[in-house]
C-alpha atoms as a PDB file:
ATOM      1  CA  UNK A   1      -0.199   0.078   0.033  1.00  0.00           C
ATOM      2  CA  UNK A   2       3.120   1.955   1.024  1.00  0.00           C
ATOM      3  CA  UNK A   3       5.559   2.444  -1.515  1.00  0.00           C
ATOM      4  CA  UNK A   4       9.001   3.940  -1.815  1.00  0.00           C
ATOM      5  CA  UNK A   5      11.634   4.105  -4.149  1.00  0.00           C
ATOM      6  CA  UNK A   6      15.479   4.782  -2.401  1.00  0.00           C
ATOM      7  CA  UNK A   7      16.838   5.678  -5.390  1.00  0.00           C
ATOM      8  CA  UNK A   8      14.164   8.306  -6.227  1.00  0.00           C
ATOM      9  CA  UNK A   9      15.321  12.248  -6.178  1.00  0.00           C
ATOM     10  CA  UNK A  10      11.810  12.620  -4.608  1.00  0.00           C
ATOM     11  CA  UNK A  11      12.203  12.764  -0.939  1.00  0.00           C
ATOM     12  CA  UNK A  12      10.759   9.854   1.075  1.00  0.00           C
ATOM     13  CA  UNK A  13       8.548  11.727   2.846  1.00  0.00           C
ATOM     14  CA  UNK A  14       6.793  13.089   0.122  1.00  0.00           C
ATOM     15  CA  UNK A  15       6.752   9.754  -1.753  1.00  0.00           C
ATOM     16  CA  UNK A  16       5.002   8.408   1.344  1.00  0.00           C
ATOM     17  CA  UNK A  17       2.311  11.436   1.643  1.00  0.00           C
ATOM     18  CA  UNK A  18       2.002  10.646  -2.466  1.00  0.00           C
ATOM     19  CA  UNK A  19       0.973   7.208  -1.667  1.00  0.00           C
ATOM     20  CA  UNK A  20      -0.977   7.579   0.895  1.00  0.00           C
ATOM     21  CA  UNK A  21      -2.973   9.786  -0.806  1.00  0.00           C
ATOM     22  CA  UNK A  22      -3.072   7.700  -3.878  1.00  0.00           C
ATOM     23  CA  UNK A  23      -4.254   4.674  -1.420  1.00  0.00           C
ATOM     24  CA  UNK A  24      -7.024   7.215  -0.212  1.00  0.00           C
ATOM     25  CA  UNK A  25      -7.851   8.192  -3.989  1.00  0.00           C
ATOM     26  CA  UNK A  26      -7.875   4.768  -5.480  1.00  0.00           C
ATOM     27  CA  UNK A  27     -10.224   3.316  -2.621  1.00  0.00           C
ATOM     28  CA  UNK A  28      -7.437   1.174  -0.849  1.00  0.00           C
ATOM     29  CA  UNK A  29      -7.568   3.460   2.103  1.00  0.00           C
ATOM     30  CA  UNK A  30     -11.298   4.318   3.276  1.00  0.00           C
ATOM     31  CA  UNK A  31     -12.267   7.036   5.694  1.00  0.00           C
ATOM     32  CA  UNK A  32     -11.333   6.282   9.461  1.00  0.00           C
ATOM     33  CA  UNK A  33      -9.441   3.463   8.526  1.00  0.00           C
ATOM     34  CA  UNK A  34      -6.024   3.161  10.375  1.00  0.00           C
ATOM     35  CA  UNK A  35      -2.726   3.785   8.495  1.00  0.00           C
ATOM     36  CA  UNK A  36       0.400   1.740   9.577  1.00  0.00           C
ATOM     37  CA  UNK A  37       2.096   2.208  12.862  1.00  0.00           C
ATOM     38  CA  UNK A  38       5.086   4.236  12.435  1.00  0.00           C
ATOM     39  CA  UNK A  39       7.441   1.852  13.503  1.00  0.00           C
ATOM     40  CA  UNK A  40       6.037  -1.210  11.785  1.00  0.00           C
ATOM     41  CA  UNK A  41       6.426   0.949   8.294  1.00  0.00           C
ATOM     42  CA  UNK A  42       9.838   1.990   9.335  1.00  0.00           C
ATOM     43  CA  UNK A  43      10.953  -1.552   9.467  1.00  0.00           C
ATOM     44  CA  UNK A  44       8.993  -2.455   6.261  1.00  0.00           C
ATOM     45  CA  UNK A  45      10.108   0.050   4.375  1.00  0.00           C
ATOM     46  CA  UNK A  46      13.956   0.068   6.167  1.00  0.00           C
ATOM     47  CA  UNK A  47      13.534   3.631   6.816  1.00  0.00           C
ATOM     48  CA  UNK A  48      13.867   5.944   9.848  1.00  0.00           C
ATOM     49  CA  UNK A  49      10.718   6.201  11.578  1.00  0.00           C
ATOM     50  CA  UNK A  50      11.046  10.205  12.113  1.00  0.00           C
ATOM     51  CA  UNK A  51      10.631  10.308   8.486  1.00  0.00           C
ATOM     52  CA  UNK A  52       7.129   8.741   8.475  1.00  0.00           C
ATOM     53  CA  UNK A  53       6.156  10.713  11.306  1.00  0.00           C
ATOM     54  CA  UNK A  54       7.208  13.503   9.412  1.00  0.00           C
ATOM     55  CA  UNK A  55       4.980  12.199   6.247  1.00  0.00           C
ATOM     56  CA  UNK A  56       1.910  11.622   8.776  1.00  0.00           C
ATOM     57  CA  UNK A  57       2.510  15.230  10.346  1.00  0.00           C
ATOM     58  CA  UNK A  58       2.111  16.605   6.595  1.00  0.00           C
ATOM     59  CA  UNK A  59      -0.764  14.744   5.817  1.00  0.00           C
ATOM     60  CA  UNK A  60      -2.471  15.972   9.356  1.00  0.00           C
ATOM     61  CA  UNK A  61      -1.727  19.412   8.332  1.00  0.00           C
ATOM     62  CA  UNK A  62      -3.530  18.939   5.151  1.00  0.00           C
ATOM     63  CA  UNK A  63      -6.480  17.804   6.920  1.00  0.00           C
ATOM     64  CA  UNK A  64      -6.230  13.910   5.054  1.00  0.00           C
ATOM     65  CA  UNK A  65      -5.431  12.053   8.017  1.00  0.00           C
ATOM     66  CA  UNK A  66      -5.988  12.601  11.871  1.00  0.00           C
ATOM     67  CA  UNK A  67      -4.173  10.913  14.838  1.00  0.00           C
ATOM     68  CA  UNK A  68      -5.375   9.608  18.179  1.00  0.00           C
ATOM     69  CA  UNK A  69      -2.362   9.762  21.078  1.00  0.00           C
ATOM     70  CA  UNK A  70      -1.732   6.131  21.904  1.00  0.00           C
ATOM     71  CA  UNK A  71      -3.975   4.593  19.204  1.00  0.00           C
ATOM     72  CA  UNK A  72      -2.405   5.829  15.702  1.00  0.00           C
ATOM     73  CA  UNK A  73      -3.243   7.536  12.684  1.00  0.00           C
ATOM     74  CA  UNK A  74      -6.320   7.417  10.698  1.00  0.00           C
ATOM     75  CA  UNK A  75      -7.925   8.561   7.495  1.00  0.00           C
ATOM     76  CA  UNK A  76     -10.064  11.515   7.711  1.00  0.00           C
ATOM     77  CA  UNK A  77     -13.711  10.996   7.594  1.00  0.00           C
ATOM     78  CA  UNK A  78     -14.132  13.511   4.572  1.00  0.00           C
ATOM     79  CA  UNK A  79     -11.972  13.202   1.782  1.00  0.00           C
ATOM     80  CA  UNK A  80     -13.638  15.425  -0.421  1.00  0.00           C
ATOM     81  CA  UNK A  81     -10.983  18.183  -0.439  1.00  0.00           C
ATOM     82  CA  UNK A  82      -8.596  15.697  -1.647  1.00  0.00           C
ATOM     83  CA  UNK A  83     -10.373  14.239  -4.202  1.00  0.00           C
ATOM     84  CA  UNK A  84     -11.870  17.635  -5.255  1.00  0.00           C
ATOM     85  CA  UNK A  85      -8.110  19.047  -5.734  1.00  0.00           C
ATOM     86  CA  UNK A  86      -6.953  15.695  -7.365  1.00  0.00           C
ATOM     87  CA  UNK A  87     -10.105  16.172  -9.820  1.00  0.00           C
ATOM     88  CA  UNK A  88      -9.149  19.808 -10.545  1.00  0.00           C
ATOM     89  CA  UNK A  89      -5.742  18.766 -11.617  1.00  0.00           C
ATOM     90  CA  UNK A  90      -6.719  16.079 -13.462  1.00  0.00           C
ATOM     91  CA  UNK A  91      -9.128  18.406 -15.465  1.00  0.00           C
ATOM     92  CA  UNK A  92      -6.077  20.932 -15.601  1.00  0.00           C
ATOM     93  CA  UNK A  93      -3.958  18.616 -17.033  1.00  0.00           C
ATOM     94  CA  UNK A  94      -6.378  17.174 -19.314  1.00  0.00           C
ATOM     95  CA  UNK A  95      -6.972  20.760 -20.509  1.00  0.00           C
ATOM     96  CA  UNK A  96      -3.503  21.241 -21.511  1.00  0.00           C
ATOM     97  CA  UNK A  97      -2.919  17.542 -23.335  1.00  0.00           C
ATOM     98  CA  UNK A  98      -6.191  18.737 -25.120  1.00  0.00           C
ATOM     99  CA  UNK A  99      -4.666  21.966 -26.228  1.00  0.00           C
ATOM    100  CA  UNK A 100      -1.496  20.542 -27.382  1.00  0.00           C
ATOM    101  CA  UNK A 101      -3.297  17.845 -29.466  1.00  0.00           C
ATOM    102  CA  UNK A 102      -5.189  20.480 -31.263  1.00  0.00           C
ATOM    103  CA  UNK A 103      -1.854  22.020 -31.734  1.00  0.00           C
ATOM    104  CA  UNK A 104      -0.502  18.987 -33.495  1.00  0.00           C
ATOM    105  CA  UNK A 105      -3.611  18.783 -35.870  1.00  0.00           C
ATOM    106  CA  UNK A 106      -5.656  15.868 -33.976  1.00  0.00           C
ATOM    107  CA  UNK A 107      -9.464  16.765 -34.764  1.00  0.00           C
ATOM    108  CA  UNK A 108     -11.747  16.775 -31.894  1.00  0.00           C
ATOM    109  CA  UNK A 109     -13.412  13.502 -33.440  1.00  0.00           C
ATOM    110  CA  UNK A 110      -9.825  11.547 -32.760  1.00  0.00           C
ATOM    111  CA  UNK A 111      -9.878  12.757 -29.286  1.00  0.00           C
ATOM    112  CA  UNK A 112     -13.564  11.720 -28.482  1.00  0.00           C
ATOM    113  CA  UNK A 113     -12.270   8.516 -29.763  1.00  0.00           C
ATOM    114  CA  UNK A 114      -9.383   8.007 -27.795  1.00  0.00           C
ATOM    115  CA  UNK A 115     -11.440   9.535 -24.458  1.00  0.00           C
ATOM    116  CA  UNK A 116     -14.271   6.649 -25.143  1.00  0.00           C
ATOM    117  CA  UNK A 117     -11.472   3.899 -25.301  1.00  0.00           C
ATOM    118  CA  UNK A 118     -10.173   4.738 -22.219  1.00  0.00           C
ATOM    119  CA  UNK A 119     -12.993   6.076 -20.429  1.00  0.00           C
ATOM    120  CA  UNK A 120     -15.126   2.772 -20.439  1.00  0.00           C
ATOM    121  CA  UNK A 121     -17.485   2.456 -17.306  1.00  0.00           C
END
């Protein structure tokens, strides 16, 4: 669920933050579900517990998780802010890609065809 790439240039704590956010967005983590304990995850990932604690504190500051002293960290009840901001970013990225495609001469019908192909429900 939470993975890190020790060879990446992205700081490990940022990778953990992103990994937790992605787990929430993909439905792997549900509201009020407990995150892995800091020490357990540190052993699992072979990294310093302070790095994980830093990531959890960032997630808490962003109101994506909450902590209960002595019990651990949990996914927030309401993750709609995370979902909404992610949705806005995806739509913005999509708009940029459509603008690039249009400049390259890709027609509207081609774009619609590709979208329909990949957006099967």
